[in-house]
């Protein structure tokens, strides 16, 4: 944890050394990369769900059906 804190501190110092315009560009780049990562993760989950559905690993029904099945 301490090592990670030091890494963050060094990164913040490097960012603070940039002019405000460069800092804003860096924030924009990081936001876009985070959005891309979330999108990629979502696509991975969708592919997994489609595979599970194709293999018959998905159950359909209402919440009541699921609770009834769990009670069995």
PDB file of N, CA and C in Angstrom:
ATOM      1  N   UNK A   1       0.830  -1.195   0.000  1.00  0.00           N
ATOM      2  CA  UNK A   1       0.000   0.000   0.000  1.00  0.00           C
ATOM      3  C   UNK A   1       0.870   1.252   0.000  1.00  0.00           C
ATOM      4  N   UNK A   2       1.924   1.222   0.797  1.00  0.00           N
ATOM      5  CA  UNK A   2       2.814   2.379   0.863  1.00  0.00           C
ATOM      6  C   UNK A   2       3.476   2.631  -0.482  1.00  0.00           C
ATOM      7  N   UNK A   3       3.881   1.539  -1.156  1.00  0.00           N
ATOM      8  CA  UNK A   3       4.517   1.678  -2.466  1.00  0.00           C
ATOM      9  C   UNK A   3       3.554   2.307  -3.470  1.00  0.00           C
ATOM     10  N   UNK A   4       2.301   1.869  -3.436  1.00  0.00           N
ATOM     11  CA  UNK A   4       1.307   2.428  -4.355  1.00  0.00           C
ATOM     12  C   UNK A   4       1.068   3.910  -4.053  1.00  0.00           C
ATOM     13  N   UNK A   5       1.053   4.265  -2.779  1.00  0.00           N
ATOM     14  CA  UNK A   5       0.886   5.669  -2.399  1.00  0.00           C
ATOM     15  C   UNK A   5       2.030   6.510  -2.942  1.00  0.00           C
ATOM     16  N   UNK A   6       3.244   5.975  -2.867  1.00  0.00           N
ATOM     17  CA  UNK A   6       4.402   6.697  -3.389  1.00  0.00           C
ATOM     18  C   UNK A   6       4.315   6.856  -4.907  1.00  0.00           C
ATOM     19  N   UNK A   7       3.863   5.820  -5.586  1.00  0.00           N
ATOM     20  CA  UNK A   7       3.699   5.887  -7.044  1.00  0.00           C
ATOM     21  C   UNK A   7       2.671   6.958  -7.404  1.00  0.00           C
ATOM     22  N   UNK A   8       1.540   6.967  -6.680  1.00  0.00           N
ATOM     23  CA  UNK A   8       0.520   7.990  -6.935  1.00  0.00           C
ATOM     24  C   UNK A   8       1.073   9.390  -6.678  1.00  0.00           C
ATOM     25  N   UNK A   9       1.828   9.533  -5.598  1.00  0.00           N
ATOM     26  CA  UNK A   9       2.386  10.841  -5.267  1.00  0.00           C
ATOM     27  C   UNK A   9       3.320  11.321  -6.372  1.00  0.00           C
ATOM     28  N   UNK A  10       4.164  10.421  -6.878  1.00  0.00           N
ATOM     29  CA  UNK A  10       5.072  10.787  -7.968  1.00  0.00           C
ATOM     30  C   UNK A  10       4.290  11.156  -9.226  1.00  0.00           C
ATOM     31  N   UNK A  11       3.233  10.399  -9.507  1.00  0.00           N
ATOM     32  CA  UNK A  11       2.406  10.695 -10.681  1.00  0.00           C
ATOM     33  C   UNK A  11       1.746  12.067 -10.537  1.00  0.00           C
ATOM     34  N   UNK A  12       1.223  12.350  -9.350  1.00  0.00           N
ATOM     35  CA  UNK A  12       0.595  13.652  -9.124  1.00  0.00           C
ATOM     36  C   UNK A  12       1.598  14.791  -9.265  1.00  0.00           C
ATOM     37  N   UNK A  13       2.787  14.583  -8.763  1.00  0.00           N
ATOM     38  CA  UNK A  13       3.822  15.608  -8.895  1.00  0.00           C
ATOM     39  C   UNK A  13       4.167  15.842 -10.364  1.00  0.00           C
ATOM     40  N   UNK A  14       4.226  14.765 -11.138  1.00  0.00           N
ATOM     41  CA  UNK A  14       4.524  14.898 -12.566  1.00  0.00           C
ATOM     42  C   UNK A  14       3.407  15.660 -13.274  1.00  0.00           C
ATOM     43  N   UNK A  15       2.165  15.364 -12.911  1.00  0.00           N
ATOM     44  CA  UNK A  15       1.025  16.051 -13.527  1.00  0.00           C
ATOM     45  C   UNK A  15       1.016  17.526 -13.123  1.00  0.00           C
ATOM     46  N   UNK A  16       1.294  17.796 -11.864  1.00  0.00           N
ATOM     47  CA  UNK A  16       1.308  19.182 -11.397  1.00  0.00           C
ATOM     48  C   UNK A  16       2.401  19.999 -12.074  1.00  0.00           C
ATOM     49  N   UNK A  17       3.439  19.342 -12.559  1.00  0.00           N
ATOM     50  CA  UNK A  17       4.515  20.044 -13.252  1.00  0.00           C
ATOM     51  C   UNK A  17       4.096  20.478 -14.658  1.00  0.00           C
ATOM     52  N   UNK A  18       3.022  19.886 -15.177  1.00  0.00           N
ATOM     53  CA  UNK A  18       2.522  20.249 -16.505  1.00  0.00           C
ATOM     54  C   UNK A  18       1.754  21.560 -16.438  1.00  0.00           C
ATOM     55  N   UNK A  19       1.682  22.237 -17.567  1.00  0.00           N
ATOM     56  CA  UNK A  19       0.866  23.453 -17.608  1.00  0.00           C
ATOM     57  C   UNK A  19      -0.611  23.046 -17.587  1.00  0.00           C
ATOM     58  N   UNK A  20      -1.500  23.960 -17.206  1.00  0.00           N
ATOM     59  CA  UNK A  20      -2.927  23.621 -17.074  1.00  0.00           C
ATOM     60  C   UNK A  20      -3.543  23.000 -18.327  1.00  0.00           C
ATOM     61  N   UNK A  21      -3.145  23.462 -19.502  1.00  0.00           N
ATOM     62  CA  UNK A  21      -3.696  22.897 -20.739  1.00  0.00           C
ATOM     63  C   UNK A  21      -3.286  21.436 -20.897  1.00  0.00           C
ATOM     64  N   UNK A  22      -2.037  21.135 -20.601  1.00  0.00           N
ATOM     65  CA  UNK A  22      -1.562  19.751 -20.690  1.00  0.00           C
ATOM     66  C   UNK A  22      -2.247  18.885 -19.642  1.00  0.00           C
ATOM     67  N   UNK A  23      -2.488  19.437 -18.457  1.00  0.00           N
ATOM     68  CA  UNK A  23      -3.203  18.688 -17.421  1.00  0.00           C
ATOM     69  C   UNK A  23      -4.613  18.345 -17.896  1.00  0.00           C
ATOM     70  N   UNK A  24      -5.274  19.304 -18.515  1.00  0.00           N
ATOM     71  CA  UNK A  24      -6.631  19.069 -19.024  1.00  0.00           C
ATOM     72  C   UNK A  24      -6.624  18.003 -20.117  1.00  0.00           C
ATOM     73  N   UNK A  25      -5.615  18.052 -20.990  1.00  0.00           N
ATOM     74  CA  UNK A  25      -5.509  17.035 -22.045  1.00  0.00           C
ATOM     75  C   UNK A  25      -5.286  15.659 -21.429  1.00  0.00           C
ATOM     76  N   UNK A  26      -4.465  15.585 -20.394  1.00  0.00           N
ATOM     77  CA  UNK A  26      -4.197  14.316 -19.721  1.00  0.00           C
ATOM     78  C   UNK A  26      -5.466  13.760 -19.086  1.00  0.00           C
ATOM     79  N   UNK A  27      -6.235  14.622 -18.443  1.00  0.00           N
ATOM     80  CA  UNK A  27      -7.508  14.194 -17.849  1.00  0.00           C
ATOM     81  C   UNK A  27      -8.432  13.647 -18.929  1.00  0.00           C
ATOM     82  N   UNK A  28      -8.498  14.323 -20.062  1.00  0.00           N
ATOM     83  CA  UNK A  28      -9.338  13.879 -21.173  1.00  0.00           C
ATOM     84  C   UNK A  28      -8.891  12.506 -21.676  1.00  0.00           C
ATOM     85  N   UNK A  29      -7.588  12.325 -21.828  1.00  0.00           N
ATOM     86  CA  UNK A  29      -7.051  11.036 -22.289  1.00  0.00           C
ATOM     87  C   UNK A  29      -7.399   9.932 -21.306  1.00  0.00           C
ATOM     88  N   UNK A  30      -7.211  10.195 -20.016  1.00  0.00           N
ATOM     89  CA  UNK A  30      -7.503   9.180 -18.996  1.00  0.00           C
ATOM     90  C   UNK A  30      -8.990   8.842 -18.988  1.00  0.00           C
ATOM     91  N   UNK A  31      -9.853   9.855 -19.096  1.00  0.00           N
ATOM     92  CA  UNK A  31     -11.296   9.594 -19.125  1.00  0.00           C
ATOM     93  C   UNK A  31     -11.674   8.724 -20.319  1.00  0.00           C
ATOM     94  N   UNK A  32     -11.098   9.014 -21.470  1.00  0.00           N
ATOM     95  CA  UNK A  32     -11.399   8.215 -22.662  1.00  0.00           C
ATOM     96  C   UNK A  32     -10.916   6.780 -22.504  1.00  0.00           C
ATOM     97  N   UNK A  33      -9.744   6.600 -21.915  1.00  0.00           N
ATOM     98  CA  UNK A  33      -9.229   5.240 -21.705  1.00  0.00           C
ATOM     99  C   UNK A  33     -10.087   4.469 -20.715  1.00  0.00           C
ATOM    100  N   UNK A  34     -10.547   5.140 -19.666  1.00  0.00           N
ATOM    101  CA  UNK A  34     -11.419   4.479 -18.703  1.00  0.00           C
ATOM    102  C   UNK A  34     -12.740   4.074 -19.347  1.00  0.00           C
ATOM    103  N   UNK A  35     -13.297   4.945 -20.186  1.00  0.00           N
ATOM    104  CA  UNK A  35     -14.531   4.602 -20.903  1.00  0.00           C
ATOM    105  C   UNK A  35     -14.313   3.402 -21.805  1.00  0.00           C
ATOM    106  N   UNK A  36     -13.161   3.375 -22.503  1.00  0.00           N
ATOM    107  CA  UNK A  36     -12.860   2.255 -23.386  1.00  0.00           C
ATOM    108  C   UNK A  36     -12.726   0.964 -22.583  1.00  0.00           C
ATOM    109  N   UNK A  37     -12.072   1.032 -21.418  1.00  0.00           N
ATOM    110  CA  UNK A  37     -11.929  -0.154 -20.581  1.00  0.00           C
ATOM    111  C   UNK A  37     -13.288  -0.662 -20.115  1.00  0.00           C
ATOM    112  N   UNK A  38     -14.165   0.257 -19.687  1.00  0.00           N
ATOM    113  CA  UNK A  38     -15.508  -0.158 -19.258  1.00  0.00           C
ATOM    114  C   UNK A  38     -16.278  -0.779 -20.414  1.00  0.00           C
ATOM    115  N   UNK A  39     -16.156  -0.185 -21.603  1.00  0.00           N
ATOM    116  CA  UNK A  39     -16.831  -0.718 -22.792  1.00  0.00           C
ATOM    117  C   UNK A  39     -16.292  -2.108 -23.126  1.00  0.00           C
ATOM    118  N   UNK A  40     -14.967  -2.276 -23.081  1.00  0.00           N
ATOM    119  CA  UNK A  40     -14.364  -3.577 -23.369  1.00  0.00           C
ATOM    120  C   UNK A  40     -14.804  -4.623 -22.353  1.00  0.00           C
ATOM    121  N   UNK A  41     -14.872  -4.229 -21.071  1.00  0.00           N
ATOM    122  CA  UNK A  41     -15.332  -5.161 -20.041  1.00  0.00           C
ATOM    123  C   UNK A  41     -16.785  -5.554 -20.268  1.00  0.00           C
ATOM    124  N   UNK A  42     -17.601  -4.591 -20.647  1.00  0.00           N
ATOM    125  CA  UNK A  42     -19.007  -4.881 -20.927  1.00  0.00           C
ATOM    126  C   UNK A  42     -19.140  -5.830 -22.110  1.00  0.00           C
ATOM    127  N   UNK A  43     -18.357  -5.600 -23.153  1.00  0.00           N
ATOM    128  CA  UNK A  43     -18.396  -6.493 -24.314  1.00  0.00           C
ATOM    129  C   UNK A  43     -17.972  -7.911 -23.939  1.00  0.00           C
ATOM    130  N   UNK A  44     -16.975  -8.031 -23.079  1.00  0.00           N
ATOM    131  CA  UNK A  44     -16.537  -9.348 -22.609  1.00  0.00           C
ATOM    132  C   UNK A  44     -17.666 -10.043 -21.858  1.00  0.00           C
ATOM    133  N   UNK A  45     -18.367  -9.294 -21.002  1.00  0.00           N
ATOM    134  CA  UNK A  45     -19.486  -9.868 -20.259  1.00  0.00           C
ATOM    135  C   UNK A  45     -20.620 -10.274 -21.193  1.00  0.00           C
ATOM    136  N   UNK A  46     -20.863  -9.492 -22.221  1.00  0.00           N
ATOM    137  CA  UNK A  46     -21.915  -9.824 -23.191  1.00  0.00           C
ATOM    138  C   UNK A  46     -21.573 -11.109 -23.927  1.00  0.00           C
ATOM    139  N   UNK A  47     -20.327 -11.233 -24.372  1.00  0.00           N
ATOM    140  CA  UNK A  47     -19.898 -12.448 -25.070  1.00  0.00           C
ATOM    141  C   UNK A  47     -20.057 -13.653 -24.150  1.00  0.00           C
ATOM    142  N   UNK A  48     -19.669 -13.509 -22.878  1.00  0.00           N
ATOM    143  CA  UNK A  48     -19.804 -14.611 -21.929  1.00  0.00           C
ATOM    144  C   UNK A  48     -21.271 -14.976 -21.726  1.00  0.00           C
ATOM    145  N   UNK A  49     -22.126 -13.974 -21.612  1.00  0.00           N
ATOM    146  CA  UNK A  49     -23.557 -14.238 -21.437  1.00  0.00           C
ATOM    147  C   UNK A  49     -24.139 -14.933 -22.660  1.00  0.00           C
ATOM    148  N   UNK A  50     -23.728 -14.503 -23.849  1.00  0.00           N
ATOM    149  CA  UNK A  50     -24.205 -15.153 -25.074  1.00  0.00           C
ATOM    150  C   UNK A  50     -23.741 -16.602 -25.134  1.00  0.00           C
ATOM    151  N   UNK A  51     -22.499 -16.860 -24.743  1.00  0.00           N
ATOM    152  CA  UNK A  51     -21.988 -18.232 -24.718  1.00  0.00           C
ATOM    153  C   UNK A  51     -22.752 -19.078 -23.709  1.00  0.00           C
ATOM    154  N   UNK A  52     -22.995 -18.524 -22.526  1.00  0.00           N
ATOM    155  CA  UNK A  52     -23.759 -19.250 -21.512  1.00  0.00           C
ATOM    156  C   UNK A  52     -25.159 -19.568 -22.021  1.00  0.00           C
ATOM    157  N   UNK A  53     -25.779 -18.610 -22.695  1.00  0.00           N
ATOM    158  CA  UNK A  53     -27.120 -18.828 -23.235  1.00  0.00           C
ATOM    159  C   UNK A  53     -27.094 -19.919 -24.302  1.00  0.00           C
ATOM    160  N   UNK A  54     -26.102 -19.867 -25.191  1.00  0.00           N
ATOM    161  CA  UNK A  54     -25.993 -20.855 -26.267  1.00  0.00           C
ATOM    162  C   UNK A  54     -25.760 -22.257 -25.714  1.00  0.00           C
ATOM    163  N   UNK A  55     -25.079 -22.352 -24.577  1.00  0.00           N
ATOM    164  CA  UNK A  55     -24.782 -23.654 -23.974  1.00  0.00           C
ATOM    165  C   UNK A  55     -25.887 -24.121 -23.032  1.00  0.00           C
ATOM    166  N   UNK A  56     -26.918 -23.309 -22.882  1.00  0.00           N
ATOM    167  CA  UNK A  56     -28.033 -23.692 -22.021  1.00  0.00           C
ATOM    168  C   UNK A  56     -27.757 -23.490 -20.544  1.00  0.00           C
ATOM    169  N   UNK A  57     -26.808 -22.654 -20.210  1.00  0.00           N
ATOM    170  CA  UNK A  57     -26.457 -22.419 -18.808  1.00  0.00           C
ATOM    171  C   UNK A  57     -27.275 -21.301 -18.166  1.00  0.00           C
ATOM    172  N   UNK A  58     -28.247 -20.779 -18.899  1.00  0.00           N
ATOM    173  CA  UNK A  58     -29.064 -19.672 -18.411  1.00  0.00           C
ATOM    174  C   UNK A  58     -30.457 -20.197 -18.090  1.00  0.00           C
ATOM    175  N   UNK A  59     -30.951 -19.784 -16.936  1.00  0.00           N
ATOM    176  CA  UNK A  59     -32.318 -20.155 -16.568  1.00  0.00           C
ATOM    177  C   UNK A  59     -33.212 -18.953 -16.777  1.00  0.00           C
ATOM    178  N   UNK A  60     -34.404 -19.220 -17.254  1.00  0.00           N
ATOM    179  CA  UNK A  60     -35.378 -18.153 -17.474  1.00  0.00           C
ATOM    180  C   UNK A  60     -36.494 -18.306 -16.457  1.00  0.00           C
ATOM    181  N   UNK A  61     -37.066 -17.193 -16.083  1.00  0.00           N
ATOM    182  CA  UNK A  61     -38.194 -17.212 -15.165  1.00  0.00           C
ATOM    183  C   UNK A  61     -38.241 -15.944 -14.342  1.00  0.00           C
ATOM    184  N   UNK A  62     -39.261 -15.874 -13.524  1.00  0.00           N
ATOM    185  CA  UNK A  62     -39.443 -14.696 -12.680  1.00  0.00           C
ATOM    186  C   UNK A  62     -38.635 -14.853 -11.395  1.00  0.00           C
ATOM    187  N   UNK A  63     -38.612 -13.807 -10.614  1.00  0.00           N
ATOM    188  CA  UNK A  63     -37.945 -13.865  -9.313  1.00  0.00           C
ATOM    189  C   UNK A  63     -38.628 -14.907  -8.444  1.00  0.00           C
ATOM    190  N   UNK A  64     -39.942 -14.972  -8.513  1.00  0.00           N
ATOM    191  CA  UNK A  64     -40.688 -15.966  -7.735  1.00  0.00           C
ATOM    192  C   UNK A  64     -40.275 -17.377  -8.135  1.00  0.00           C
ATOM    193  N   UNK A  65     -40.073 -17.613  -9.439  1.00  0.00           N
ATOM    194  CA  UNK A  65     -39.621 -18.923  -9.910  1.00  0.00           C
ATOM    195  C   UNK A  65     -38.250 -19.258  -9.328  1.00  0.00           C
ATOM    196  N   UNK A  66     -37.357 -18.289  -9.319  1.00  0.00           N
ATOM    197  CA  UNK A  66     -36.013 -18.511  -8.789  1.00  0.00           C
ATOM    198  C   UNK A  66     -36.060 -18.819  -7.301  1.00  0.00           C
ATOM    199  N   UNK A  67     -36.852 -18.067  -6.555  1.00  0.00           N
ATOM    200  CA  UNK A  67     -36.965 -18.306  -5.114  1.00  0.00           C
ATOM    201  C   UNK A  67     -37.558 -19.678  -4.855  1.00  0.00           C
ATOM    202  N   UNK A  68     -38.576 -20.053  -5.621  1.00  0.00           N
ATOM    203  CA  UNK A  68     -39.184 -21.378  -5.463  1.00  0.00           C
ATOM    204  C   UNK A  68     -38.164 -22.465  -5.750  1.00  0.00           C
ATOM    205  N   UNK A  69     -37.333 -22.264  -6.752  1.00  0.00           N
ATOM    206  CA  UNK A  69     -36.311 -23.254  -7.089  1.00  0.00           C
ATOM    207  C   UNK A  69     -35.266 -23.355  -5.987  1.00  0.00           C
ATOM    208  N   UNK A  70     -34.918 -22.238  -5.387  1.00  0.00           N
ATOM    209  CA  UNK A  70     -33.940 -22.249  -4.301  1.00  0.00           C
ATOM    210  C   UNK A  70     -34.491 -22.930  -3.056  1.00  0.00           C
ATOM    211  N   UNK A  71     -35.794 -22.840  -2.852  1.00  0.00           N
ATOM    212  CA  UNK A  71     -36.431 -23.452  -1.686  1.00  0.00           C
ATOM    213  C   UNK A  71     -36.543 -24.961  -1.810  1.00  0.00           C
ATOM    214  N   UNK A  72     -36.396 -25.488  -3.016  1.00  0.00           N
ATOM    215  CA  UNK A  72     -36.541 -26.941  -3.236  1.00  0.00           C
ATOM    216  C   UNK A  72     -35.392 -27.706  -2.639  1.00  0.00           C
TER     217      UNK A  72
END
